[in-house]
Full PDB file with SEQRES, HELIX, SHEET, SSBOND, CRYST1, ORIGX, SCALE, CONECT and MASTER records, all heavy atoms in Angstrom:
SEQRES   1 A   34  PHE PRO LEU ILE ALA ALA GLN ILE TYR LYS PHE VAL ALA          
SEQRES   2 A   34  PRO GLY LEU TYR LYS ASN GLU ARG ARG ALA PHE LEU PRO          
SEQRES   3 A   34  PHE LEU VAL ALA SER PRO ILE LEU                              
HELIX    1 AA1 PRO A    2  VAL A   12  1                                  11    
HELIX    2 AA2 ALA A   13  GLY A   15  5                                   3    
HELIX    3 AA3 LYS A   18  ILE A   33  1                                  16    
CRYST1    1.000    1.000    1.000  90.00  90.00  90.00 P 1           1          
ORIGX1      1.000000  0.000000  0.000000        0.00000                         
ORIGX2      0.000000  1.000000  0.000000        0.00000                         
ORIGX3      0.000000  0.000000  1.000000        0.00000                         
SCALE1      1.000000  0.000000  0.000000        0.00000                         
SCALE2      0.000000  1.000000  0.000000        0.00000                         
SCALE3      0.000000  0.000000  1.000000        0.00000                         
ATOM      1  N   PHE A   1       0.807  -1.226   0.007  1.00  0.00           N  
ATOM      2  CA  PHE A   1      -0.001  -0.008   0.001  1.00  0.00           C  
ATOM      3  C   PHE A   1       0.842   1.263   0.000  1.00  0.00           C  
ATOM      4  O   PHE A   1       0.516   2.216  -0.735  1.00  0.00           O  
ATOM      5  CB  PHE A   1      -0.963  -0.005   1.185  1.00  0.00           C  
ATOM      6  CG  PHE A   1      -1.790   1.280   1.280  1.00  0.00           C  
ATOM      7  CD1 PHE A   1      -2.881   1.444   0.458  1.00  0.00           C  
ATOM      8  CD2 PHE A   1      -1.446   2.303   2.143  1.00  0.00           C  
ATOM      9  CE1 PHE A   1      -3.631   2.610   0.511  1.00  0.00           C  
ATOM     10  CE2 PHE A   1      -2.178   3.457   2.206  1.00  0.00           C  
ATOM     11  CZ  PHE A   1      -3.290   3.615   1.387  1.00  0.00           C  
ATOM     12  N   PRO A   2       1.904   1.371   0.815  1.00  0.00           N  
ATOM     13  CA  PRO A   2       2.711   2.610   0.750  1.00  0.00           C  
ATOM     14  C   PRO A   2       3.262   2.875  -0.652  1.00  0.00           C  
ATOM     15  O   PRO A   2       3.270   4.032  -1.103  1.00  0.00           O  
ATOM     16  CB  PRO A   2       3.845   2.348   1.754  1.00  0.00           C  
ATOM     17  CG  PRO A   2       3.264   1.367   2.717  1.00  0.00           C  
ATOM     18  CD  PRO A   2       2.391   0.479   1.896  1.00  0.00           C  
ATOM     19  N   LEU A   3       3.720   1.826  -1.342  1.00  0.00           N  
ATOM     20  CA  LEU A   3       4.205   2.001  -2.715  1.00  0.00           C  
ATOM     21  C   LEU A   3       3.092   2.415  -3.652  1.00  0.00           C  
ATOM     22  O   LEU A   3       3.261   3.330  -4.477  1.00  0.00           O  
ATOM     23  CB  LEU A   3       4.867   0.706  -3.193  1.00  0.00           C  
ATOM     24  CG  LEU A   3       5.314   0.690  -4.660  1.00  0.00           C  
ATOM     25  CD1 LEU A   3       6.427   1.703  -4.891  1.00  0.00           C  
ATOM     26  CD2 LEU A   3       5.794  -0.711  -5.054  1.00  0.00           C  
ATOM     27  N   ILE A   4       1.940   1.775  -3.520  1.00  0.00           N  
ATOM     28  CA  ILE A   4       0.804   2.116  -4.390  1.00  0.00           C  
ATOM     29  C   ILE A   4       0.336   3.535  -4.139  1.00  0.00           C  
ATOM     30  O   ILE A   4       0.084   4.300  -5.093  1.00  0.00           O  
ATOM     31  CB  ILE A   4      -0.364   1.112  -4.152  1.00  0.00           C  
ATOM     32  CG1 ILE A   4       0.065  -0.310  -4.550  1.00  0.00           C  
ATOM     33  CG2 ILE A   4      -1.614   1.533  -4.922  1.00  0.00           C  
ATOM     34  CD1 ILE A   4      -0.948  -1.377  -4.184  1.00  0.00           C  
ATOM     35  N   ALA A   5       0.267   3.940  -2.856  1.00  0.00           N  
ATOM     36  CA  ALA A   5      -0.160   5.304  -2.536  1.00  0.00           C  
ATOM     37  C   ALA A   5       0.866   6.327  -3.067  1.00  0.00           C  
ATOM     38  O   ALA A   5       0.485   7.386  -3.558  1.00  0.00           O  
ATOM     39  CB  ALA A   5      -0.312   5.453  -1.012  1.00  0.00           C  
ATOM     40  N   ALA A   6       2.148   5.985  -2.962  1.00  0.00           N  
ATOM     41  CA  ALA A   6       3.194   6.876  -3.489  1.00  0.00           C  
ATOM     42  C   ALA A   6       3.058   7.038  -4.993  1.00  0.00           C  
ATOM     43  O   ALA A   6       3.243   8.149  -5.523  1.00  0.00           O  
ATOM     44  CB  ALA A   6       4.563   6.363  -3.099  1.00  0.00           C  
ATOM     45  N   GLN A   7       2.773   5.955  -5.704  1.00  0.00           N  
ATOM     46  CA  GLN A   7       2.614   6.036  -7.152  1.00  0.00           C  
ATOM     47  C   GLN A   7       1.398   6.856  -7.537  1.00  0.00           C  
ATOM     48  O   GLN A   7       1.436   7.625  -8.508  1.00  0.00           O  
ATOM     49  CB  GLN A   7       2.506   4.626  -7.751  1.00  0.00           C  
ATOM     50  CG  GLN A   7       3.738   3.762  -7.572  1.00  0.00           C  
ATOM     51  CD  GLN A   7       5.007   4.397  -8.149  1.00  0.00           C  
ATOM     52  OE1 GLN A   7       5.005   4.908  -9.262  1.00  0.00           O  
ATOM     53  NE2 GLN A   7       6.063   4.398  -7.354  1.00  0.00           N  
ATOM     54  N   ILE A   8       0.322   6.701  -6.773  1.00  0.00           N  
ATOM     55  CA  ILE A   8      -0.878   7.533  -7.032  1.00  0.00           C  
ATOM     56  C   ILE A   8      -0.550   9.000  -6.806  1.00  0.00           C  
ATOM     57  O   ILE A   8      -0.930   9.875  -7.623  1.00  0.00           O  
ATOM     58  CB  ILE A   8      -2.052   7.092  -6.119  1.00  0.00           C  
ATOM     59  CG1 ILE A   8      -2.492   5.672  -6.502  1.00  0.00           C  
ATOM     60  CG2 ILE A   8      -3.228   8.067  -6.233  1.00  0.00           C  
ATOM     61  CD1 ILE A   8      -3.528   5.095  -5.564  1.00  0.00           C  
ATOM     62  N   TYR A   9       0.177   9.290  -5.729  1.00  0.00           N  
ATOM     63  CA  TYR A   9       0.525  10.692  -5.444  1.00  0.00           C  
ATOM     64  C   TYR A   9       1.432  11.265  -6.530  1.00  0.00           C  
ATOM     65  O   TYR A   9       1.244  12.398  -6.977  1.00  0.00           O  
ATOM     66  CB  TYR A   9       1.203  10.770  -4.090  1.00  0.00           C  
ATOM     67  CG  TYR A   9       1.704  12.159  -3.749  1.00  0.00           C  
ATOM     68  CD1 TYR A   9       0.825  13.168  -3.365  1.00  0.00           C  
ATOM     69  CD2 TYR A   9       3.050  12.473  -3.843  1.00  0.00           C  
ATOM     70  CE1 TYR A   9       1.280  14.434  -3.082  1.00  0.00           C  
ATOM     71  CE2 TYR A   9       3.507  13.749  -3.560  1.00  0.00           C  
ATOM     72  CZ  TYR A   9       2.616  14.728  -3.171  1.00  0.00           C  
ATOM     73  OH  TYR A   9       3.062  15.984  -2.909  1.00  0.00           O  
ATOM     74  N   LYS A  10       2.416  10.476  -6.982  1.00  0.00           N  
ATOM     75  CA  LYS A  10       3.318  10.966  -8.017  1.00  0.00           C  
ATOM     76  C   LYS A  10       2.581  11.211  -9.338  1.00  0.00           C  
ATOM     77  O   LYS A  10       2.987  12.088 -10.118  1.00  0.00           O  
ATOM     78  CB  LYS A  10       4.454   9.959  -8.233  1.00  0.00           C  
ATOM     79  CG  LYS A  10       5.448   9.901  -7.087  1.00  0.00           C  
ATOM     80  CD  LYS A  10       6.553   8.874  -7.363  1.00  0.00           C  
ATOM     81  CE  LYS A  10       7.562   8.838  -6.229  1.00  0.00           C  
ATOM     82  NZ  LYS A  10       8.635   7.849  -6.467  1.00  0.00           N  
ATOM     83  N   PHE A  11       1.530  10.451  -9.604  1.00  0.00           N  
ATOM     84  CA  PHE A  11       0.764  10.639 -10.830  1.00  0.00           C  
ATOM     85  C   PHE A  11      -0.118  11.884 -10.728  1.00  0.00           C  
ATOM     86  O   PHE A  11      -0.289  12.632 -11.706  1.00  0.00           O  
ATOM     87  CB  PHE A  11      -0.095   9.407 -11.113  1.00  0.00           C  
ATOM     88  CG  PHE A  11      -0.933   9.536 -12.345  1.00  0.00           C  
ATOM     89  CD1 PHE A  11      -0.353   9.481 -13.609  1.00  0.00           C  
ATOM     90  CD2 PHE A  11      -2.311   9.702 -12.267  1.00  0.00           C  
ATOM     91  CE1 PHE A  11      -1.124   9.591 -14.758  1.00  0.00           C  
ATOM     92  CE2 PHE A  11      -3.079   9.814 -13.390  1.00  0.00           C  
ATOM     93  CZ  PHE A  11      -2.492   9.760 -14.652  1.00  0.00           C  
ATOM     94  N   VAL A  12      -0.688  12.117  -9.531  1.00  0.00           N  
ATOM     95  CA  VAL A  12      -1.617  13.232  -9.352  1.00  0.00           C  
ATOM     96  C   VAL A  12      -0.882  14.538  -9.067  1.00  0.00           C  
ATOM     97  O   VAL A  12      -1.352  15.618  -9.475  1.00  0.00           O  
ATOM     98  CB  VAL A  12      -2.612  12.896  -8.211  1.00  0.00           C  
ATOM     99  CG1 VAL A  12      -3.507  14.076  -7.911  1.00  0.00           C  
ATOM    100  CG2 VAL A  12      -3.427  11.685  -8.590  1.00  0.00           C  
ATOM    101  N   ALA A  13       0.261  14.470  -8.381  1.00  0.00           N  
ATOM    102  CA  ALA A  13       0.959  15.677  -7.901  1.00  0.00           C  
ATOM    103  C   ALA A  13       1.272  16.694  -8.975  1.00  0.00           C  
ATOM    104  O   ALA A  13       1.097  17.914  -8.737  1.00  0.00           O  
ATOM    105  CB  ALA A  13       2.244  15.275  -7.161  1.00  0.00           C  
ATOM    106  N   PRO A  14       1.725  16.319 -10.187  1.00  0.00           N  
ATOM    107  CA  PRO A  14       2.025  17.355 -11.181  1.00  0.00           C  
ATOM    108  C   PRO A  14       0.821  18.214 -11.579  1.00  0.00           C  
ATOM    109  O   PRO A  14       0.991  19.333 -12.080  1.00  0.00           O  
ATOM    110  CB  PRO A  14       2.525  16.541 -12.395  1.00  0.00           C  
ATOM    111  CG  PRO A  14       3.064  15.283 -11.810  1.00  0.00           C  
ATOM    112  CD  PRO A  14       2.150  14.989 -10.662  1.00  0.00           C  
ATOM    113  N   GLY A  15      -0.406  17.716 -11.388  1.00  0.00           N  
ATOM    114  CA  GLY A  15      -1.589  18.466 -11.700  1.00  0.00           C  
ATOM    115  C   GLY A  15      -2.104  19.338 -10.570  1.00  0.00           C  
ATOM    116  O   GLY A  15      -3.157  19.957 -10.696  1.00  0.00           O  
ATOM    117  N   LEU A  16      -1.393  19.350  -9.431  1.00  0.00           N  
ATOM    118  CA  LEU A  16      -1.802  20.117  -8.267  1.00  0.00           C  
ATOM    119  C   LEU A  16      -0.922  21.365  -8.101  1.00  0.00           C  
ATOM    120  O   LEU A  16       0.239  21.376  -8.543  1.00  0.00           O  
ATOM    121  CB  LEU A  16      -1.699  19.261  -6.998  1.00  0.00           C  
ATOM    122  CG  LEU A  16      -2.512  17.966  -6.967  1.00  0.00           C  
ATOM    123  CD1 LEU A  16      -2.216  17.195  -5.707  1.00  0.00           C  
ATOM    124  CD2 LEU A  16      -4.013  18.248  -7.081  1.00  0.00           C  
ATOM    125  N   TYR A  17      -1.475  22.381  -7.494  1.00  0.00           N  
ATOM    126  CA  TYR A  17      -0.692  23.551  -7.131  1.00  0.00           C  
ATOM    127  C   TYR A  17       0.241  23.175  -5.974  1.00  0.00           C  
ATOM    128  O   TYR A  17       0.045  22.195  -5.284  1.00  0.00           O  
ATOM    129  CB  TYR A  17      -1.594  24.721  -6.728  1.00  0.00           C  
ATOM    130  CG  TYR A  17      -2.402  25.291  -7.865  1.00  0.00           C  
ATOM    131  CD1 TYR A  17      -3.798  25.332  -7.793  1.00  0.00           C  
ATOM    132  CD2 TYR A  17      -1.782  25.796  -9.001  1.00  0.00           C  
ATOM    133  CE1 TYR A  17      -4.540  25.860  -8.827  1.00  0.00           C  
ATOM    134  CE2 TYR A  17      -2.523  26.321 -10.028  1.00  0.00           C  
ATOM    135  CZ  TYR A  17      -3.909  26.346  -9.943  1.00  0.00           C  
ATOM    136  OH  TYR A  17      -4.635  26.860 -10.970  1.00  0.00           O  
ATOM    137  N   LYS A  18       1.237  24.031  -5.775  1.00  0.00           N  
ATOM    138  CA  LYS A  18       2.203  23.746  -4.720  1.00  0.00           C  
ATOM    139  C   LYS A  18       1.552  23.671  -3.352  1.00  0.00           C  
ATOM    140  O   LYS A  18       1.843  22.788  -2.545  1.00  0.00           O  
ATOM    141  CB  LYS A  18       3.306  24.816  -4.718  1.00  0.00           C  
ATOM    142  CG  LYS A  18       4.454  24.508  -3.768  1.00  0.00           C  
ATOM    143  CD  LYS A  18       5.465  25.651  -3.763  1.00  0.00           C  
ATOM    144  CE  LYS A  18       6.128  25.788  -5.127  1.00  0.00           C  
ATOM    145  NZ  LYS A  18       7.202  26.823  -5.103  1.00  0.00           N  
ATOM    146  N   ASN A  19       0.619  24.607  -3.063  1.00  0.00           N  
ATOM    147  CA  ASN A  19      -0.055  24.591  -1.762  1.00  0.00           C  
ATOM    148  C   ASN A  19      -0.962  23.375  -1.625  1.00  0.00           C  
ATOM    149  O   ASN A  19      -1.152  22.836  -0.536  1.00  0.00           O  
ATOM    150  CB  ASN A  19      -0.849  25.876  -1.548  1.00  0.00           C  
ATOM    151  CG  ASN A  19      -1.931  26.059  -2.617  1.00  0.00           C  
ATOM    152  OD1 ASN A  19      -1.798  25.507  -3.715  1.00  0.00           O  
ATOM    153  ND2 ASN A  19      -2.959  26.818  -2.325  1.00  0.00           N  
ATOM    154  N   GLU A  20      -1.532  22.895  -2.764  1.00  0.00           N  
ATOM    155  CA  GLU A  20      -2.362  21.688  -2.723  1.00  0.00           C  
ATOM    156  C   GLU A  20      -1.520  20.450  -2.443  1.00  0.00           C  
ATOM    157  O   GLU A  20      -1.946  19.545  -1.716  1.00  0.00           O  
ATOM    158  CB  GLU A  20      -3.109  21.526  -4.031  1.00  0.00           C  
ATOM    159  CG  GLU A  20      -4.193  22.579  -4.243  1.00  0.00           C  
ATOM    160  CD  GLU A  20      -4.826  22.487  -5.619  1.00  0.00           C  
ATOM    161  OE1 GLU A  20      -4.186  21.950  -6.529  1.00  0.00           O  
ATOM    162  OE2 GLU A  20      -5.960  22.966  -5.765  1.00  0.00           O  
ATOM    163  N   ARG A  21      -0.311  20.406  -3.008  1.00  0.00           N  
ATOM    164  CA  ARG A  21       0.584  19.270  -2.751  1.00  0.00           C  
ATOM    165  C   ARG A  21       1.005  19.269  -1.276  1.00  0.00           C  
ATOM    166  O   ARG A  21       1.073  18.195  -0.664  1.00  0.00           O  
ATOM    167  CB  ARG A  21       1.821  19.355  -3.645  1.00  0.00           C  
ATOM    168  CG  ARG A  21       1.526  19.085  -5.113  1.00  0.00           C  
ATOM    169  CD  ARG A  21       2.792  18.813  -5.904  1.00  0.00           C  
ATOM    170  NE  ARG A  21       3.630  19.998  -5.984  1.00  0.00           N  
ATOM    171  CZ  ARG A  21       3.579  20.872  -6.981  1.00  0.00           C  
ATOM    172  NH1 ARG A  21       2.716  20.710  -7.975  1.00  0.00           N  
ATOM    173  NH2 ARG A  21       4.393  21.909  -6.998  1.00  0.00           N  
ATOM    174  N   ARG A  22       1.299  20.420  -0.732  1.00  0.00           N  
ATOM    175  CA  ARG A  22       1.671  20.486   0.697  1.00  0.00           C  
ATOM    176  C   ARG A  22       0.506  20.080   1.583  1.00  0.00           C  
ATOM    177  O   ARG A  22       0.714  19.487   2.646  1.00  0.00           O  
ATOM    178  CB  ARG A  22       2.135  21.906   1.049  1.00  0.00           C  
ATOM    179  CG  ARG A  22       3.506  22.266   0.509  1.00  0.00           C  
ATOM    180  CD  ARG A  22       4.075  23.447   1.262  1.00  0.00           C  
ATOM    181  NE  ARG A  22       3.197  24.601   1.189  1.00  0.00           N  
ATOM    182  CZ  ARG A  22       3.324  25.599   0.326  1.00  0.00           C  
ATOM    183  NH1 ARG A  22       4.311  25.581  -0.561  1.00  0.00           N  
ATOM    184  NH2 ARG A  22       2.492  26.618   0.320  1.00  0.00           N  
ATOM    185  N   ALA A  23      -0.704  20.385   1.185  1.00  0.00           N  
ATOM    186  CA  ALA A  23      -1.873  20.035   1.982  1.00  0.00           C  
ATOM    187  C   ALA A  23      -2.206  18.553   1.894  1.00  0.00           C  
ATOM    188  O   ALA A  23      -2.676  17.919   2.843  1.00  0.00           O  
ATOM    189  CB  ALA A  23      -3.085  20.876   1.548  1.00  0.00           C  
ATOM    190  N   PHE A  24      -1.951  17.938   0.717  1.00  0.00           N  
ATOM    191  CA  PHE A  24      -2.325  16.548   0.483  1.00  0.00           C  
ATOM    192  C   PHE A  24      -1.330  15.568   1.079  1.00  0.00           C  
ATOM    193  O   PHE A  24      -1.731  14.484   1.546  1.00  0.00           O  
ATOM    194  CB  PHE A  24      -2.443  16.323  -1.032  1.00  0.00           C  
ATOM    195  CG  PHE A  24      -2.943  14.957  -1.404  1.00  0.00           C  
ATOM    196  CD1 PHE A  24      -4.285  14.631  -1.222  1.00  0.00           C  
ATOM    197  CD2 PHE A  24      -2.105  14.000  -1.922  1.00  0.00           C  
ATOM    198  CE1 PHE A  24      -4.758  13.370  -1.566  1.00  0.00           C  
ATOM    199  CE2 PHE A  24      -2.572  12.747  -2.269  1.00  0.00           C  
ATOM    200  CZ  PHE A  24      -3.904  12.430  -2.087  1.00  0.00           C  
ATOM    201  N   LEU A  25      -0.051  15.918   1.116  1.00  0.00           N  
ATOM    202  CA  LEU A  25       0.991  14.981   1.533  1.00  0.00           C  
ATOM    203  C   LEU A  25       0.816  14.497   2.970  1.00  0.00           C  
ATOM    204  O   LEU A  25       0.988  13.272   3.231  1.00  0.00           O  
ATOM    205  CB  LEU A  25       2.360  15.625   1.355  1.00  0.00           C  
ATOM    206  CG  LEU A  25       3.568  14.702   1.456  1.00  0.00           C  
ATOM    207  CD1 LEU A  25       3.459  13.557   0.469  1.00  0.00           C  
ATOM    208  CD2 LEU A  25       4.874  15.459   1.248  1.00  0.00           C  
ATOM    209  N   PRO A  26       0.483  15.338   3.960  1.00  0.00           N  
ATOM    210  CA  PRO A  26       0.299  14.818   5.335  1.00  0.00           C  
ATOM    211  C   PRO A  26      -0.774  13.759   5.445  1.00  0.00           C  
ATOM    212  O   PRO A  26      -0.656  12.813   6.226  1.00  0.00           O  
ATOM    213  CB  PRO A  26      -0.067  16.069   6.147  1.00  0.00           C  
ATOM    214  CG  PRO A  26       0.496  17.200   5.363  1.00  0.00           C  
ATOM    215  CD  PRO A  26       0.370  16.810   3.939  1.00  0.00           C  
ATOM    216  N   PHE A  27      -1.851  13.906   4.647  1.00  0.00           N  
ATOM    217  CA  PHE A  27      -2.918  12.915   4.695  1.00  0.00           C  
ATOM    218  C   PHE A  27      -2.471  11.586   4.108  1.00  0.00           C  
ATOM    219  O   PHE A  27      -2.930  10.541   4.487  1.00  0.00           O  
ATOM    220  CB  PHE A  27      -4.155  13.441   3.965  1.00  0.00           C  
ATOM    221  CG  PHE A  27      -4.739  14.672   4.587  1.00  0.00           C  
ATOM    222  CD1 PHE A  27      -4.532  15.924   4.047  1.00  0.00           C  
ATOM    223  CD2 PHE A  27      -5.472  14.577   5.765  1.00  0.00           C  
ATOM    224  CE1 PHE A  27      -5.072  17.054   4.627  1.00  0.00           C  
ATOM    225  CE2 PHE A  27      -6.014  15.703   6.374  1.00  0.00           C  
ATOM    226  CZ  PHE A  27      -5.805  16.937   5.792  1.00  0.00           C  
ATOM    227  N   LEU A  28      -1.567  11.648   3.110  1.00  0.00           N  
ATOM    228  CA  LEU A  28      -1.018  10.439   2.534  1.00  0.00           C  
ATOM    229  C   LEU A  28      -0.204   9.654   3.566  1.00  0.00           C  
ATOM    230  O   LEU A  28      -0.153   8.427   3.525  1.00  0.00           O  
ATOM    231  CB  LEU A  28      -0.134  10.799   1.341  1.00  0.00           C  
ATOM    232  CG  LEU A  28       0.263   9.681   0.393  1.00  0.00           C  
ATOM    233  CD1 LEU A  28      -0.960   9.101  -0.287  1.00  0.00           C  
ATOM    234  CD2 LEU A  28       1.254  10.169  -0.638  1.00  0.00           C  
ATOM    235  N   VAL A  29       0.429  10.362   4.495  1.00  0.00           N  
ATOM    236  CA  VAL A  29       1.175   9.699   5.570  1.00  0.00           C  
ATOM    237  C   VAL A  29       0.252   9.231   6.696  1.00  0.00           C  
ATOM    238  O   VAL A  29       0.411   8.140   7.234  1.00  0.00           O  
ATOM    239  CB  VAL A  29       2.248  10.674   6.123  1.00  0.00           C  
ATOM    240  CG1 VAL A  29       2.968  10.042   7.296  1.00  0.00           C  
ATOM    241  CG2 VAL A  29       3.225  11.079   5.029  1.00  0.00           C  
ATOM    242  N   ALA A  30      -0.769  10.044   6.988  1.00  0.00           N  
ATOM    243  CA  ALA A  30      -1.669   9.715   8.093  1.00  0.00           C  
ATOM    244  C   ALA A  30      -2.576   8.520   7.804  1.00  0.00           C  
ATOM    245  O   ALA A  30      -2.922   7.759   8.706  1.00  0.00           O  
ATOM    246  CB  ALA A  30      -2.515  10.948   8.454  1.00  0.00           C  
ATOM    247  N   SER A  31      -2.932   8.348   6.533  1.00  0.00           N  
ATOM    248  CA  SER A  31      -3.877   7.286   6.181  1.00  0.00           C  
ATOM    249  C   SER A  31      -3.396   5.881   6.541  1.00  0.00           C  
ATOM    250  O   SER A  31      -4.110   5.135   7.240  1.00  0.00           O  
ATOM    251  CB  SER A  31      -4.201   7.386   4.679  1.00  0.00           C  
ATOM    252  OG  SER A  31      -5.158   6.420   4.324  1.00  0.00           O  
ATOM    253  N   PRO A  32      -2.166   5.462   6.136  1.00  0.00           N  
ATOM    254  CA  PRO A  32      -1.735   4.104   6.535  1.00  0.00           C  
ATOM    255  C   PRO A  32      -1.499   3.987   8.051  1.00  0.00           C  
ATOM    256  O   PRO A  32      -1.705   2.907   8.616  1.00  0.00           O  
ATOM    257  CB  PRO A  32      -0.433   3.915   5.771  1.00  0.00           C  
ATOM    258  CG  PRO A  32       0.033   5.275   5.394  1.00  0.00           C  
ATOM    259  CD  PRO A  32      -1.206   6.097   5.227  1.00  0.00           C  
ATOM    260  N   ILE A  33      -1.103   5.073   8.695  1.00  0.00           N  
ATOM    261  CA  ILE A  33      -0.901   5.028  10.144  1.00  0.00           C  
ATOM    262  C   ILE A  33      -2.225   4.770  10.852  1.00  0.00           C  
ATOM    263  O   ILE A  33      -2.308   3.931  11.772  1.00  0.00           O  
ATOM    264  CB  ILE A  33      -0.246   6.332  10.649  1.00  0.00           C  
ATOM    265  CG1 ILE A  33       1.179   6.431  10.119  1.00  0.00           C  
ATOM    266  CG2 ILE A  33      -0.230   6.391  12.175  1.00  0.00           C  
ATOM    267  CD1 ILE A  33       1.879   7.752  10.460  1.00  0.00           C  
ATOM    268  N   LEU A  34      -3.267   5.475  10.434  1.00  0.00           N  
ATOM    269  CA  LEU A  34      -4.591   5.266  11.034  1.00  0.00           C  
ATOM    270  C   LEU A  34      -5.123   3.858  10.741  1.00  0.00           C  
ATOM    271  O   LEU A  34      -5.770   3.246  11.587  1.00  0.00           O  
ATOM    272  CB  LEU A  34      -5.570   6.324  10.519  1.00  0.00           C  
ATOM    273  CG  LEU A  34      -5.334   7.742  11.046  1.00  0.00           C  
ATOM    274  CD1 LEU A  34      -6.222   8.745  10.324  1.00  0.00           C  
ATOM    275  CD2 LEU A  34      -5.593   7.820  12.547  1.00  0.00           C  
TER     276      LEU A  34                                                      
MASTER        0    0    0    3    0    0    0    6  275    1    0    3          
END                                                                             
C-alpha cells in the first residue's frame, strides 16, 4: 500500500498547485498510520 499510494501521489501531484501538494501529503502519511 505505501508504494501504491506513493505512485498515485506521483501521478496526481504534477496536476496540483504547490499549496495543494503540501496540503495533500500529510494525509497520505496519516492514512496508513490510522
